[in-house]
PDB file of N, CA and C in Angstrom:
ATOM      1  N   THR A   1      87.514 136.730 191.869  1.00  0.00           N
ATOM      2  CA  THR A   1      88.804 137.066 192.446  1.00  0.00           C
ATOM      3  C   THR A   1      89.795 135.927 192.242  1.00  0.00           C
ATOM      4  N   LYS A   2      91.003 136.333 191.947  1.00  0.00           N
ATOM      5  CA  LYS A   2      92.066 135.354 191.731  1.00  0.00           C
ATOM      6  C   LYS A   2      92.682 134.968 193.074  1.00  0.00           C
ATOM      7  N   ALA A   3      92.884 133.675 193.270  1.00  0.00           N
ATOM      8  CA  ALA A   3      93.518 133.193 194.507  1.00  0.00           C
ATOM      9  C   ALA A   3      94.980 133.641 194.534  1.00  0.00           C
ATOM     10  N   PRO A   4      95.506 133.954 195.715  1.00  0.00           N
ATOM     11  CA  PRO A   4      96.904 134.374 195.785  1.00  0.00           C
ATOM     12  C   PRO A   4      97.838 133.239 195.373  1.00  0.00           C
ATOM     13  N   GLU A   5      98.940 133.610 194.758  1.00  0.00           N
ATOM     14  CA  GLU A   5      99.918 132.606 194.333  1.00  0.00           C
ATOM     15  C   GLU A   5     100.657 132.067 195.548  1.00  0.00           C
ATOM     16  N   VAL A   6     100.729 130.758 195.658  1.00  0.00           N
ATOM     17  CA  VAL A   6     101.419 130.108 196.770  1.00  0.00           C
ATOM     18  C   VAL A   6     102.790 129.666 196.272  1.00  0.00           C
ATOM     19  N   PRO A   7     103.856 130.021 197.002  1.00  0.00           N
ATOM     20  CA  PRO A   7     105.199 129.597 196.578  1.00  0.00           C
ATOM     21  C   PRO A   7     105.282 128.071 196.479  1.00  0.00           C
ATOM     22  N   HIS A   8     106.149 127.608 195.618  1.00  0.00           N
ATOM     23  CA  HIS A   8     106.337 126.179 195.401  1.00  0.00           C
ATOM     24  C   HIS A   8     107.523 125.698 196.234  1.00  0.00           C
ATOM     25  N   TYR A   9     107.309 124.672 197.039  1.00  0.00           N
ATOM     26  CA  TYR A   9     108.363 124.097 197.869  1.00  0.00           C
ATOM     27  C   TYR A   9     108.592 122.657 197.441  1.00  0.00           C
ATOM     28  N   THR A  10     109.835 122.232 197.516  1.00  0.00           N
ATOM     29  CA  THR A  10     110.183 120.841 197.222  1.00  0.00           C
ATOM     30  C   THR A  10     111.037 120.328 198.373  1.00  0.00           C
ATOM     31  N   ASN A  11     111.264 119.033 198.373  1.00  0.00           N
ATOM     32  CA  ASN A  11     112.205 118.484 199.357  1.00  0.00           C
ATOM     33  C   ASN A  11     113.158 117.529 198.667  1.00  0.00           C
ATOM     34  N   GLU A  12     114.265 117.281 199.324  1.00  0.00           N
ATOM     35  CA  GLU A  12     115.305 116.412 198.783  1.00  0.00           C
ATOM     36  C   GLU A  12     115.791 115.488 199.887  1.00  0.00           C
ATOM     37  N   GLU A  13     115.811 114.197 199.604  1.00  0.00           N
ATOM     38  CA  GLU A  13     116.315 113.225 200.564  1.00  0.00           C
ATOM     39  C   GLU A  13     117.833 113.133 200.425  1.00  0.00           C
ATOM     40  N   ILE A  14     118.522 113.184 201.563  1.00  0.00           N
ATOM     41  CA  ILE A  14     119.978 113.118 201.603  1.00  0.00           C
ATOM     42  C   ILE A  14     120.355 111.908 202.449  1.00  0.00           C
ATOM     43  N   GLY A  15     121.196 111.036 201.909  1.00  0.00           N
ATOM     44  CA  GLY A  15     121.582 109.837 202.633  1.00  0.00           C
ATOM     45  C   GLY A  15     120.537 108.746 202.503  1.00  0.00           C
ATOM     46  N   ALA A  16     120.870 107.590 203.048  1.00  0.00           N
ATOM     47  CA  ALA A  16     119.971 106.430 202.980  1.00  0.00           C
ATOM     48  C   ALA A  16     119.019 106.446 204.168  1.00  0.00           C
ATOM     49  N   LYS A  17     117.760 106.072 203.919  1.00  0.00           N
ATOM     50  CA  LYS A  17     116.780 105.978 204.999  1.00  0.00           C
ATOM     51  C   LYS A  17     117.275 105.024 206.068  1.00  0.00           C
ATOM     52  N   GLU A  18     116.820 105.286 207.287  1.00  0.00           N
ATOM     53  CA  GLU A  18     117.164 104.473 208.457  1.00  0.00           C
ATOM     54  C   GLU A  18     118.669 104.420 208.700  1.00  0.00           C
ATOM     55  N   THR A  19     119.347 105.563 208.460  1.00  0.00           N
ATOM     56  CA  THR A  19     120.754 105.730 208.834  1.00  0.00           C
ATOM     57  C   THR A  19     120.869 107.036 209.600  1.00  0.00           C
ATOM     58  N   LEU A  20     121.955 107.209 210.339  1.00  0.00           N
ATOM     59  CA  LEU A  20     122.180 108.439 211.095  1.00  0.00           C
ATOM     60  C   LEU A  20     122.381 109.642 210.182  1.00  0.00           C
ATOM     61  N   GLU A  21     122.744 109.408 208.925  1.00  0.00           N
ATOM     62  CA  GLU A  21     123.019 110.486 207.980  1.00  0.00           C
ATOM     63  C   GLU A  21     121.780 110.961 207.225  1.00  0.00           C
ATOM     64  N   TYR A  22     120.699 110.218 207.279  1.00  0.00           N
ATOM     65  CA  TYR A  22     119.510 110.544 206.488  1.00  0.00           C
ATOM     66  C   TYR A  22     118.899 111.869 206.919  1.00  0.00           C
ATOM     67  N   ARG A  23     118.588 112.720 205.924  1.00  0.00           N
ATOM     68  CA  ARG A  23     117.935 114.001 206.155  1.00  0.00           C
ATOM     69  C   ARG A  23     116.940 114.271 205.029  1.00  0.00           C
ATOM     70  N   ILE A  24     115.927 115.045 205.322  1.00  0.00           N
ATOM     71  CA  ILE A  24     115.021 115.565 204.301  1.00  0.00           C
ATOM     72  C   ILE A  24     115.177 117.078 204.348  1.00  0.00           C
ATOM     73  N   ALA A  25     115.754 117.638 203.296  1.00  0.00           N
ATOM     74  CA  ALA A  25     115.959 119.080 203.199  1.00  0.00           C
ATOM     75  C   ALA A  25     114.826 119.689 202.384  1.00  0.00           C
ATOM     76  N   PHE A  26     114.468 120.915 202.684  1.00  0.00           N
ATOM     77  CA  PHE A  26     113.405 121.626 201.978  1.00  0.00           C
ATOM     78  C   PHE A  26     114.013 122.700 201.102  1.00  0.00           C
ATOM     79  N   LYS A  27     113.404 122.933 199.933  1.00  0.00           N
ATOM     80  CA  LYS A  27     113.929 123.904 198.976  1.00  0.00           C
ATOM     81  C   LYS A  27     112.807 124.791 198.437  1.00  0.00           C
ATOM     82  N   GLN A  28     113.215 125.995 198.064  1.00  0.00           N
ATOM     83  CA  GLN A  28     112.364 126.914 197.319  1.00  0.00           C
ATOM     84  C   GLN A  28     113.242 127.480 196.212  1.00  0.00           C
ATOM     85  N   ASN A  29     112.856 127.222 194.956  1.00  0.00           N
ATOM     86  CA  ASN A  29     113.658 127.659 193.802  1.00  0.00           C
ATOM     87  C   ASN A  29     115.107 127.193 193.900  1.00  0.00           C
ATOM     88  N   ASP A  30     115.326 125.943 194.220  1.00  0.00           N
ATOM     89  CA  ASP A  30     116.660 125.326 194.334  1.00  0.00           C
ATOM     90  C   ASP A  30     117.499 125.856 195.486  1.00  0.00           C
ATOM     91  N   LYS A  31     116.955 126.716 196.340  1.00  0.00           N
ATOM     92  CA  LYS A  31     117.669 127.214 197.526  1.00  0.00           C
ATOM     93  C   LYS A  31     117.192 126.410 198.731  1.00  0.00           C
ATOM     94  N   VAL A  32     118.119 125.865 199.512  1.00  0.00           N
ATOM     95  CA  VAL A  32     117.751 125.136 200.722  1.00  0.00           C
ATOM     96  C   VAL A  32     117.215 126.139 201.739  1.00  0.00           C
ATOM     97  N   ILE A  33     116.063 125.802 202.317  1.00  0.00           N
ATOM     98  CA  ILE A  33     115.421 126.678 203.299  1.00  0.00           C
ATOM     99  C   ILE A  33     115.053 125.868 204.538  1.00  0.00           C
ATOM    100  N   SER A  34     114.685 126.573 205.573  1.00  0.00           N
ATOM    101  CA  SER A  34     114.209 125.942 206.796  1.00  0.00           C
ATOM    102  C   SER A  34     112.696 125.765 206.708  1.00  0.00           C
ATOM    103  N   CYS A  35     112.240 124.524 206.857  1.00  0.00           N
ATOM    104  CA  CYS A  35     110.787 124.287 206.846  1.00  0.00           C
ATOM    105  C   CYS A  35     110.143 124.896 208.077  1.00  0.00           C
ATOM    106  N   TRP A  36     110.908 125.104 209.104  1.00  0.00           N
ATOM    107  CA  TRP A  36     110.408 125.617 210.376  1.00  0.00           C
ATOM    108  C   TRP A  36     110.362 127.145 210.387  1.00  0.00           C
ATOM    109  N   HIS A  37     111.405 127.784 209.839  1.00  0.00           N
ATOM    110  CA  HIS A  37     111.518 129.235 209.904  1.00  0.00           C
ATOM    111  C   HIS A  37     111.080 129.960 208.630  1.00  0.00           C
ATOM    112  N   GLU A  38     111.255 129.350 207.460  1.00  0.00           N
ATOM    113  CA  GLU A  38     111.089 130.088 206.208  1.00  0.00           C
ATOM    114  C   GLU A  38     109.825 129.780 205.423  1.00  0.00           C
ATOM    115  N   ILE A  39     109.177 128.681 205.698  1.00  0.00           N
ATOM    116  CA  ILE A  39     107.885 128.420 205.064  1.00  0.00           C
ATOM    117  C   ILE A  39     106.841 129.120 205.924  1.00  0.00           C
ATOM    118  N   PRO A  40     106.018 129.966 205.327  1.00  0.00           N
ATOM    119  CA  PRO A  40     105.036 130.694 206.140  1.00  0.00           C
ATOM    120  C   PRO A  40     103.933 129.776 206.664  1.00  0.00           C
ATOM    121  N   LEU A  41     103.352 130.188 207.765  1.00  0.00           N
ATOM    122  CA  LEU A  41     102.230 129.439 208.333  1.00  0.00           C
ATOM    123  C   LEU A  41     101.054 129.413 207.362  1.00  0.00           C
ATOM    124  N   TRP A  42     100.734 130.562 206.805  1.00  0.00           N
ATOM    125  CA  TRP A  42      99.565 130.668 205.923  1.00  0.00           C
ATOM    126  C   TRP A  42      99.942 130.340 204.486  1.00  0.00           C
ATOM    127  N   ALA A  43      99.147 129.476 203.854  1.00  0.00           N
ATOM    128  CA  ALA A  43      99.369 129.069 202.468  1.00  0.00           C
ATOM    129  C   ALA A  43      98.422 129.787 201.516  1.00  0.00           C
ATOM    130  N   GLY A  44      97.526 130.541 202.030  1.00  0.00           N
ATOM    131  CA  GLY A  44      96.512 131.239 201.246  1.00  0.00           C
ATOM    132  C   GLY A  44      95.343 131.525 202.157  1.00  0.00           C
ATOM    133  N   GLU A  45      94.290 132.010 201.573  1.00  0.00           N
ATOM    134  CA  GLU A  45      93.117 132.324 202.382  1.00  0.00           C
ATOM    135  C   GLU A  45      92.540 131.057 203.000  1.00  0.00           C
ATOM    136  N   ASP A  46      92.464 131.022 204.309  1.00  0.00           N
ATOM    137  CA  ASP A  46      91.901 129.882 205.055  1.00  0.00           C
ATOM    138  C   ASP A  46      92.666 128.579 204.848  1.00  0.00           C
ATOM    139  N   GLU A  47      93.935 128.655 204.462  1.00  0.00           N
ATOM    140  CA  GLU A  47      94.753 127.454 204.266  1.00  0.00           C
ATOM    141  C   GLU A  47      96.071 127.620 204.993  1.00  0.00           C
ATOM    142  N   LEU A  48      96.515 126.531 205.626  1.00  0.00           N
ATOM    143  CA  LEU A  48      97.778 126.529 206.352  1.00  0.00           C
ATOM    144  C   LEU A  48      98.759 125.568 205.714  1.00  0.00           C
ATOM    145  N   HIS A  49     100.045 125.847 205.845  1.00  0.00           N
ATOM    146  CA  HIS A  49     101.063 124.868 205.465  1.00  0.00           C
ATOM    147  C   HIS A  49     101.209 123.871 206.615  1.00  0.00           C
ATOM    148  N   PHE A  50     101.456 122.629 206.281  1.00  0.00           N
ATOM    149  CA  PHE A  50     101.699 121.558 207.256  1.00  0.00           C
ATOM    150  C   PHE A  50     102.959 120.838 206.828  1.00  0.00           C
ATOM    151  N   ILE A  51     103.890 120.647 207.737  1.00  0.00           N
ATOM    152  CA  ILE A  51     105.124 119.913 207.464  1.00  0.00           C
ATOM    153  C   ILE A  51     104.972 118.539 208.100  1.00  0.00           C
ATOM    154  N   CYS A  52     104.931 117.512 207.279  1.00  0.00           N
ATOM    155  CA  CYS A  52     104.761 116.147 207.774  1.00  0.00           C
ATOM    156  C   CYS A  52     106.130 115.583 208.148  1.00  0.00           C
ATOM    157  N   GLU A  53     106.318 115.335 209.433  1.00  0.00           N
ATOM    158  CA  GLU A  53     107.562 114.736 209.908  1.00  0.00           C
ATOM    159  C   GLU A  53     107.490 113.207 209.852  1.00  0.00           C
ATOM    160  N   ILE A  54     106.348 112.673 210.245  1.00  0.00           N
ATOM    161  CA  ILE A  54     106.170 111.219 210.271  1.00  0.00           C
ATOM    162  C   ILE A  54     104.926 110.870 209.459  1.00  0.00           C
ATOM    163  N   PRO A  55     105.115 110.303 208.264  1.00  0.00           N
ATOM    164  CA  PRO A  55     103.951 109.944 207.449  1.00  0.00           C
ATOM    165  C   PRO A  55     103.121 108.813 208.060  1.00  0.00           C
ATOM    166  N   LYS A  56     101.841 108.862 207.806  1.00  0.00           N
ATOM    167  CA  LYS A  56     100.912 107.820 208.240  1.00  0.00           C
ATOM    168  C   LYS A  56     101.429 106.453 207.814  1.00  0.00           C
ATOM    169  N   GLU A  57     101.228 105.470 208.687  1.00  0.00           N
ATOM    170  CA  GLU A  57     101.598 104.070 208.450  1.00  0.00           C
ATOM    171  C   GLU A  57     103.105 103.846 208.365  1.00  0.00           C
ATOM    172  N   THR A  58     103.884 104.684 209.078  1.00  0.00           N
ATOM    173  CA  THR A  58     105.327 104.459 209.212  1.00  0.00           C
ATOM    174  C   THR A  58     105.664 104.423 210.697  1.00  0.00           C
ATOM    175  N   SER A  59     106.862 103.908 211.029  1.00  0.00           N
ATOM    176  CA  SER A  59     107.232 103.794 212.440  1.00  0.00           C
ATOM    177  C   SER A  59     108.532 104.512 212.798  1.00  0.00           C
ATOM    178  N   ALA A  60     109.276 105.021 211.819  1.00  0.00           N
ATOM    179  CA  ALA A  60     110.509 105.743 212.134  1.00  0.00           C
ATOM    180  C   ALA A  60     110.153 107.047 212.838  1.00  0.00           C
ATOM    181  N   LYS A  61     110.776 107.318 213.983  1.00  0.00           N
ATOM    182  CA  LYS A  61     110.508 108.536 214.767  1.00  0.00           C
ATOM    183  C   LYS A  61     111.321 109.671 214.150  1.00  0.00           C
ATOM    184  N   MET A  62     110.669 110.443 213.282  1.00  0.00           N
ATOM    185  CA  MET A  62     111.314 111.548 212.570  1.00  0.00           C
ATOM    186  C   MET A  62     110.970 112.863 213.261  1.00  0.00           C
ATOM    187  N   GLU A  63     111.918 113.864 213.135  1.00  0.00           N
ATOM    188  CA  GLU A  63     111.665 115.172 213.731  1.00  0.00           C
ATOM    189  C   GLU A  63     112.511 116.234 213.047  1.00  0.00           C
ATOM    190  N   VAL A  64     112.078 117.473 213.184  1.00  0.00           N
ATOM    191  CA  VAL A  64     112.863 118.578 212.659  1.00  0.00           C
ATOM    192  C   VAL A  64     114.131 118.686 213.504  1.00  0.00           C
ATOM    193  N   ALA A  65     115.273 118.792 212.836  1.00  0.00           N
ATOM    194  CA  ALA A  65     116.571 118.920 213.514  1.00  0.00           C
ATOM    195  C   ALA A  65     116.782 120.391 213.857  1.00  0.00           C
ATOM    196  N   THR A  66     116.246 120.815 214.987  1.00  0.00           N
ATOM    197  CA  THR A  66     116.290 122.233 215.359  1.00  0.00           C
ATOM    198  C   THR A  66     117.701 122.731 215.639  1.00  0.00           C
ATOM    199  N   ASP A  67     118.648 121.827 215.836  1.00  0.00           N
ATOM    200  CA  ASP A  67     120.029 122.223 216.132  1.00  0.00           C
ATOM    201  C   ASP A  67     120.936 122.188 214.900  1.00  0.00           C
ATOM    202  N   GLU A  68     120.353 121.986 213.700  1.00  0.00           N
ATOM    203  CA  GLU A  68     121.143 121.930 212.467  1.00  0.00           C
ATOM    204  C   GLU A  68     120.766 123.088 211.544  1.00  0.00           C
ATOM    205  N   PRO A  69     121.733 123.572 210.738  1.00  0.00           N
ATOM    206  CA  PRO A  69     121.415 124.634 209.771  1.00  0.00           C
ATOM    207  C   PRO A  69     120.274 124.204 208.842  1.00  0.00           C
ATOM    208  N   SER A  70     119.368 125.087 208.566  1.00  0.00           N
ATOM    209  CA  SER A  70     118.203 124.883 207.695  1.00  0.00           C
ATOM    210  C   SER A  70     117.207 123.862 208.236  1.00  0.00           C
ATOM    211  N   THR A  71     117.373 123.432 209.456  1.00  0.00           N
ATOM    212  CA  THR A  71     116.432 122.551 210.169  1.00  0.00           C
ATOM    213  C   THR A  71     115.815 121.446 209.296  1.00  0.00           C
ATOM    214  N   PRO A  72     116.649 120.534 208.749  1.00  0.00           N
ATOM    215  CA  PRO A  72     116.076 119.428 207.976  1.00  0.00           C
ATOM    216  C   PRO A  72     115.325 118.466 208.902  1.00  0.00           C
ATOM    217  N   ILE A  73     114.631 117.521 208.327  1.00  0.00           N
ATOM    218  CA  ILE A  73     114.003 116.459 209.103  1.00  0.00           C
ATOM    219  C   ILE A  73     114.991 115.299 209.162  1.00  0.00           C
ATOM    220  N   LYS A  74     115.138 114.708 210.354  1.00  0.00           N
ATOM    221  CA  LYS A  74     116.036 113.563 210.544  1.00  0.00           C
ATOM    222  C   LYS A  74     115.355 112.562 211.465  1.00  0.00           C
ATOM    223  N   GLN A  75     115.916 111.366 211.522  1.00  0.00           N
ATOM    224  CA  GLN A  75     115.371 110.366 212.429  1.00  0.00           C
ATOM    225  C   GLN A  75     115.947 110.601 213.821  1.00  0.00           C
ATOM    226  N   ASP A  76     115.083 110.587 214.817  1.00  0.00           N
ATOM    227  CA  ASP A  76     115.483 110.807 216.204  1.00  0.00           C
ATOM    228  C   ASP A  76     116.348 109.638 216.683  1.00  0.00           C
ATOM    229  N   THR A  77     117.215 109.932 217.633  1.00  0.00           N
ATOM    230  CA  THR A  77     118.086 108.904 218.210  1.00  0.00           C
ATOM    231  C   THR A  77     117.999 108.915 219.728  1.00  0.00           C
ATOM    232  N   LYS A  78     118.346 107.797 220.315  1.00  0.00           N
ATOM    233  CA  LYS A  78     118.470 107.675 221.768  1.00  0.00           C
ATOM    234  C   LYS A  78     119.669 106.781 222.020  1.00  0.00           C
ATOM    235  N   LYS A  79     120.650 107.301 222.763  1.00  0.00           N
ATOM    236  CA  LYS A  79     121.891 106.569 223.047  1.00  0.00           C
ATOM    237  C   LYS A  79     122.569 106.116 221.763  1.00  0.00           C
ATOM    238  N   GLY A  80     122.529 106.987 220.726  1.00  0.00           N
ATOM    239  CA  GLY A  80     123.210 106.704 219.467  1.00  0.00           C
ATOM    240  C   GLY A  80     122.488 105.756 218.528  1.00  0.00           C
ATOM    241  N   LYS A  81     121.300 105.313 218.898  1.00  0.00           N
ATOM    242  CA  LYS A  81     120.532 104.380 218.054  1.00  0.00           C
ATOM    243  C   LYS A  81     119.290 105.075 217.508  1.00  0.00           C
ATOM    244  N   LEU A  82     118.938 104.739 216.265  1.00  0.00           N
ATOM    245  CA  LEU A  82     117.734 105.296 215.644  1.00  0.00           C
ATOM    246  C   LEU A  82     116.490 104.846 216.406  1.00  0.00           C
ATOM    247  N   ARG A  83     115.546 105.763 216.543  1.00  0.00           N
ATOM    248  CA  ARG A  83     114.317 105.448 217.277  1.00  0.00           C
ATOM    249  C   ARG A  83     113.178 105.087 216.321  1.00  0.00           C
ATOM    250  N   PHE A  84     112.392 104.115 216.743  1.00  0.00           N
ATOM    251  CA  PHE A  84     111.204 103.667 216.018  1.00  0.00           C
ATOM    252  C   PHE A  84     110.059 103.508 217.010  1.00  0.00           C
ATOM    253  N   TYR A  85     108.847 103.799 216.557  1.00  0.00           N
ATOM    254  CA  TYR A  85     107.678 103.440 217.346  1.00  0.00           C
ATOM    255  C   TYR A  85     107.533 101.927 217.271  1.00  0.00           C
ATOM    256  N   PRO A  86     106.921 101.288 218.267  1.00  0.00           N
ATOM    257  CA  PRO A  86     106.754  99.829 218.219  1.00  0.00           C
ATOM    258  C   PRO A  86     105.684  99.387 217.223  1.00  0.00           C
ATOM    259  N   TYR A  87     105.040 100.349 216.562  1.00  0.00           N
ATOM    260  CA  TYR A  87     103.966 100.071 215.609  1.00  0.00           C
ATOM    261  C   TYR A  87     103.924 101.237 214.624  1.00  0.00           C
ATOM    262  N   ASN A  88     103.260 101.042 213.491  1.00  0.00           N
ATOM    263  CA  ASN A  88     103.054 102.149 212.558  1.00  0.00           C
ATOM    264  C   ASN A  88     102.005 103.089 213.138  1.00  0.00           C
ATOM    265  N   ILE A  89     102.266 104.392 213.053  1.00  0.00           N
ATOM    266  CA  ILE A  89     101.253 105.333 213.533  1.00  0.00           C
ATOM    267  C   ILE A  89     100.161 105.470 212.468  1.00  0.00           C
ATOM    268  N   ASN A  90      98.956 105.758 212.900  1.00  0.00           N
ATOM    269  CA  ASN A  90      97.795 105.762 211.997  1.00  0.00           C
ATOM    270  C   ASN A  90      97.393 107.148 211.527  1.00  0.00           C
ATOM    271  N   TRP A  91      98.305 108.096 211.590  1.00  0.00           N
ATOM    272  CA  TRP A  91      98.011 109.473 211.195  1.00  0.00           C
ATOM    273  C   TRP A  91      99.301 110.130 210.724  1.00  0.00           C
ATOM    274  N   ASN A  92      99.175 111.229 210.001  1.00  0.00           N
ATOM    275  CA  ASN A  92     100.330 112.053 209.644  1.00  0.00           C
ATOM    276  C   ASN A  92     100.660 112.928 210.851  1.00  0.00           C
ATOM    277  N   TYR A  93     101.927 112.947 211.238  1.00  0.00           N
ATOM    278  CA  TYR A  93     102.367 113.731 212.385  1.00  0.00           C
ATOM    279  C   TYR A  93     103.337 114.795 211.898  1.00  0.00           C
ATOM    280  N   GLY A  94     103.190 116.019 212.383  1.00  0.00           N
ATOM    281  CA  GLY A  94     104.110 117.049 211.945  1.00  0.00           C
ATOM    282  C   GLY A  94     103.925 118.355 212.673  1.00  0.00           C
ATOM    283  N   LEU A  95     104.209 119.439 211.949  1.00  0.00           N
ATOM    284  CA  LEU A  95     104.181 120.750 212.573  1.00  0.00           C
ATOM    285  C   LEU A  95     103.581 121.790 211.645  1.00  0.00           C
ATOM    286  N   LEU A  96     103.158 122.864 212.235  1.00  0.00           N
ATOM    287  CA  LEU A  96     102.749 124.050 211.493  1.00  0.00           C
ATOM    288  C   LEU A  96     103.948 124.994 211.543  1.00  0.00           C
ATOM    289  N   PRO A  97     104.474 125.417 210.387  1.00  0.00           N
ATOM    290  CA  PRO A  97     105.681 126.237 210.399  1.00  0.00           C
ATOM    291  C   PRO A  97     105.478 127.583 211.091  1.00  0.00           C
ATOM    292  N   GLN A  98     106.578 128.089 211.605  1.00  0.00           N
ATOM    293  CA  GLN A  98     106.632 129.391 212.272  1.00  0.00           C
ATOM    294  C   GLN A  98     105.744 129.460 213.509  1.00  0.00           C
ATOM    295  N   THR A  99     105.596 128.328 214.183  1.00  0.00           N
ATOM    296  CA  THR A  99     104.815 128.303 215.426  1.00  0.00           C
ATOM    297  C   THR A  99     105.675 127.812 216.579  1.00  0.00           C
ATOM    298  N   TRP A 100     106.946 128.219 216.607  1.00  0.00           N
ATOM    299  CA  TRP A 100     107.840 127.796 217.675  1.00  0.00           C
ATOM    300  C   TRP A 100     107.680 128.703 218.881  1.00  0.00           C
ATOM    301  N   GLU A 101     108.289 128.296 219.968  1.00  0.00           N
ATOM    302  CA  GLU A 101     108.110 128.975 221.246  1.00  0.00           C
ATOM    303  C   GLU A 101     108.577 130.431 221.246  1.00  0.00           C
ATOM    304  N   ASP A 102     109.752 130.723 220.655  1.00  0.00           N
ATOM    305  CA  ASP A 102     110.285 132.081 220.661  1.00  0.00           C
ATOM    306  C   ASP A 102     110.540 132.511 219.225  1.00  0.00           C
ATOM    307  N   PRO A 103     109.602 133.233 218.601  1.00  0.00           N
ATOM    308  CA  PRO A 103     109.759 133.592 217.190  1.00  0.00           C
ATOM    309  C   PRO A 103     110.905 134.549 216.910  1.00  0.00           C
ATOM    310  N   SER A 104     111.489 135.159 217.952  1.00  0.00           N
ATOM    311  CA  SER A 104     112.631 136.055 217.703  1.00  0.00           C
ATOM    312  C   SER A 104     113.939 135.275 217.593  1.00  0.00           C
ATOM    313  N   HIS A 105     113.928 133.982 217.995  1.00  0.00           N
ATOM    314  CA  HIS A 105     115.130 133.145 217.924  1.00  0.00           C
ATOM    315  C   HIS A 105     115.169 132.399 216.606  1.00  0.00           C
ATOM    316  N   LYS A 106     116.279 132.507 215.885  1.00  0.00           N
ATOM    317  CA  LYS A 106     116.438 131.787 214.622  1.00  0.00           C
ATOM    318  C   LYS A 106     117.748 131.021 214.646  1.00  0.00           C
ATOM    319  N   ASN A 107     117.683 129.732 214.350  1.00  0.00           N
ATOM    320  CA  ASN A 107     118.892 128.922 214.276  1.00  0.00           C
ATOM    321  C   ASN A 107     119.692 129.340 213.053  1.00  0.00           C
ATOM    322  N   GLU A 108     120.971 129.437 213.185  1.00  0.00           N
ATOM    323  CA  GLU A 108     121.839 129.803 212.048  1.00  0.00           C
ATOM    324  C   GLU A 108     122.493 128.569 211.477  1.00  0.00           C
TER     325      GLU A 108
END
């Protein structure tokens, strides 16, 4: 049996790292998409998609920008300042797409 074809996703960095403008946008066939809403949970038989927000051995507190169009990944802020963990985390941190609290709600 042939394995099902899995769509190809890419990402694009916008702005300089460690700035308020920095974003990681996700694309499918050159179209910007939401990693949270448009990438399916299942990647194939017994395989899931995982969106890495904070790569292992980094300290920038990154998160999906749920209040922005296409929900890019951005660095979290507190009182207008970029947030960092006091140490590098020792694991990849992220999300499983399409597993939000209210699946009928979609950010525009």
